[in-house]
């Protein structure tokens, strides 16, 4: 699994890009590649958990979604995660 943590700025581009991004997330969830995702309560960022086979698959998901390059969206961290409880 891989975790992606985002931080958000105040740029309006982020909110304009969000609906298409959320559609992508729904598709990834239906495919079983996204376990869960959502913004922090204060909307300062978000956390996404992906269930993909390797770092290359994770990098492809990130590269294919323009939201992650939108002004106002910063990738704060991305790392592999090994949960012991699922």
C-alpha atoms as a PDB file:
ATOM      1  CA  UNK A   1       0.000   0.000   0.000  1.00  0.00           C
ATOM      2  CA  UNK A   2       1.019   3.586  -0.500  1.00  0.00           C
ATOM      3  CA  UNK A   3       0.016   6.752   1.354  1.00  0.00           C
ATOM      4  CA  UNK A   4      -0.190  10.149  -0.290  1.00  0.00           C
ATOM      5  CA  UNK A   5      -0.486  13.237   1.890  1.00  0.00           C
ATOM      6  CA  UNK A   6      -1.460  16.537   0.303  1.00  0.00           C
ATOM      7  CA  UNK A   7      -1.394  20.078   1.617  1.00  0.00           C
ATOM      8  CA  UNK A   8      -3.710  22.726   0.214  1.00  0.00           C
ATOM      9  CA  UNK A   9      -3.282  26.435  -0.464  1.00  0.00           C
ATOM     10  CA  UNK A  10      -5.919  29.060  -1.143  1.00  0.00           C
ATOM     11  CA  UNK A  11      -5.564  29.127  -4.944  1.00  0.00           C
ATOM     12  CA  UNK A  12      -8.967  28.931  -6.678  1.00  0.00           C
ATOM     13  CA  UNK A  13      -7.563  26.534  -9.304  1.00  0.00           C
ATOM     14  CA  UNK A  14      -7.613  23.783  -6.680  1.00  0.00           C
ATOM     15  CA  UNK A  15     -11.362  24.010  -6.121  1.00  0.00           C
ATOM     16  CA  UNK A  16     -12.021  24.187  -9.867  1.00  0.00           C
ATOM     17  CA  UNK A  17      -9.986  20.997 -10.434  1.00  0.00           C
ATOM     18  CA  UNK A  18     -11.476  19.076  -7.509  1.00  0.00           C
ATOM     19  CA  UNK A  19     -14.639  17.621  -9.167  1.00  0.00           C
ATOM     20  CA  UNK A  20     -12.648  15.835 -11.914  1.00  0.00           C
ATOM     21  CA  UNK A  21     -10.154  14.614  -9.304  1.00  0.00           C
ATOM     22  CA  UNK A  22     -12.939  13.185  -7.154  1.00  0.00           C
ATOM     23  CA  UNK A  23     -14.373  11.364 -10.179  1.00  0.00           C
ATOM     24  CA  UNK A  24     -10.953   9.773 -10.723  1.00  0.00           C
ATOM     25  CA  UNK A  25     -10.851   8.763  -7.062  1.00  0.00           C
ATOM     26  CA  UNK A  26     -14.259   7.103  -7.326  1.00  0.00           C
ATOM     27  CA  UNK A  27     -13.080   5.108 -10.353  1.00  0.00           C
ATOM     28  CA  UNK A  28      -9.882   4.037  -8.564  1.00  0.00           C
ATOM     29  CA  UNK A  29     -11.944   2.999  -5.545  1.00  0.00           C
ATOM     30  CA  UNK A  30     -14.307   0.926  -7.692  1.00  0.00           C
ATOM     31  CA  UNK A  31     -11.265  -0.748  -9.274  1.00  0.00           C
ATOM     32  CA  UNK A  32      -9.903  -1.584  -5.815  1.00  0.00           C
ATOM     33  CA  UNK A  33      -6.795   0.577  -6.192  1.00  0.00           C
ATOM     34  CA  UNK A  34      -7.898   3.285  -3.721  1.00  0.00           C
ATOM     35  CA  UNK A  35      -8.757   2.141  -0.203  1.00  0.00           C
ATOM     36  CA  UNK A  36      -9.851   5.488   1.193  1.00  0.00           C
ATOM     37  CA  UNK A  37      -9.308   9.199   0.712  1.00  0.00           C
ATOM     38  CA  UNK A  38     -10.493  12.476   2.104  1.00  0.00           C
ATOM     39  CA  UNK A  39      -9.621  15.964   3.248  1.00  0.00           C
ATOM     40  CA  UNK A  40      -8.560  16.852   6.758  1.00  0.00           C
ATOM     41  CA  UNK A  41     -11.322  18.470   8.823  1.00  0.00           C
ATOM     42  CA  UNK A  42      -9.732  21.920   8.472  1.00  0.00           C
ATOM     43  CA  UNK A  43      -9.306  21.483   4.672  1.00  0.00           C
ATOM     44  CA  UNK A  44      -5.553  22.101   4.993  1.00  0.00           C
ATOM     45  CA  UNK A  45      -4.840  18.949   3.006  1.00  0.00           C
ATOM     46  CA  UNK A  46      -5.885  15.361   2.439  1.00  0.00           C
ATOM     47  CA  UNK A  47      -4.787  11.776   2.936  1.00  0.00           C
ATOM     48  CA  UNK A  48      -5.166   9.018   0.346  1.00  0.00           C
ATOM     49  CA  UNK A  49      -4.404   5.316   0.765  1.00  0.00           C
ATOM     50  CA  UNK A  50      -3.749   3.268  -2.358  1.00  0.00           C
ATOM     51  CA  UNK A  51      -3.597  -0.518  -2.641  1.00  0.00           C
ATOM     52  CA  UNK A  52      -1.363  -1.120  -5.644  1.00  0.00           C
ATOM     53  CA  UNK A  53       1.296  -3.756  -6.311  1.00  0.00           C
ATOM     54  CA  UNK A  54       4.375  -1.553  -6.461  1.00  0.00           C
ATOM     55  CA  UNK A  55       5.889   1.931  -6.538  1.00  0.00           C
ATOM     56  CA  UNK A  56       5.624   2.085 -10.327  1.00  0.00           C
ATOM     57  CA  UNK A  57       1.838   1.552 -10.233  1.00  0.00           C
ATOM     58  CA  UNK A  58       1.530   4.210  -7.537  1.00  0.00           C
ATOM     59  CA  UNK A  59       3.654   6.676  -9.521  1.00  0.00           C
ATOM     60  CA  UNK A  60       1.478   6.086 -12.587  1.00  0.00           C
ATOM     61  CA  UNK A  61      -1.689   6.923 -10.648  1.00  0.00           C
ATOM     62  CA  UNK A  62      -0.152  10.149  -9.359  1.00  0.00           C
ATOM     63  CA  UNK A  63       1.200  11.110 -12.798  1.00  0.00           C
ATOM     64  CA  UNK A  64      -2.146  10.508 -14.528  1.00  0.00           C
ATOM     65  CA  UNK A  65      -4.130  12.878 -12.285  1.00  0.00           C
ATOM     66  CA  UNK A  66      -3.479  16.553 -13.109  1.00  0.00           C
ATOM     67  CA  UNK A  67      -4.936  17.550  -9.723  1.00  0.00           C
ATOM     68  CA  UNK A  68      -1.610  16.759  -8.062  1.00  0.00           C
ATOM     69  CA  UNK A  69       0.072  19.434 -10.229  1.00  0.00           C
ATOM     70  CA  UNK A  70      -2.681  22.044  -9.772  1.00  0.00           C
ATOM     71  CA  UNK A  71      -1.723  25.349  -8.119  1.00  0.00           C
ATOM     72  CA  UNK A  72      -2.796  25.096  -4.502  1.00  0.00           C
ATOM     73  CA  UNK A  73      -2.107  21.359  -4.247  1.00  0.00           C
ATOM     74  CA  UNK A  74       1.240  20.215  -2.879  1.00  0.00           C
ATOM     75  CA  UNK A  75       2.321  16.640  -2.335  1.00  0.00           C
ATOM     76  CA  UNK A  76       3.545  16.815   1.264  1.00  0.00           C
ATOM     77  CA  UNK A  77       4.648  13.186   1.434  1.00  0.00           C
ATOM     78  CA  UNK A  78       4.280   9.874  -0.321  1.00  0.00           C
ATOM     79  CA  UNK A  79       5.479   6.602   1.064  1.00  0.00           C
ATOM     80  CA  UNK A  80       4.978   2.890   1.110  1.00  0.00           C
ATOM     81  CA  UNK A  81       2.973   1.581   4.043  1.00  0.00           C
ATOM     82  CA  UNK A  82       2.724  -1.923   5.493  1.00  0.00           C
ATOM     83  CA  UNK A  83      -0.467  -2.129   7.572  1.00  0.00           C
ATOM     84  CA  UNK A  84      -0.761  -4.970  10.051  1.00  0.00           C
ATOM     85  CA  UNK A  85      -4.548  -4.651  10.467  1.00  0.00           C
ATOM     86  CA  UNK A  86      -6.900  -4.381   7.513  1.00  0.00           C
END
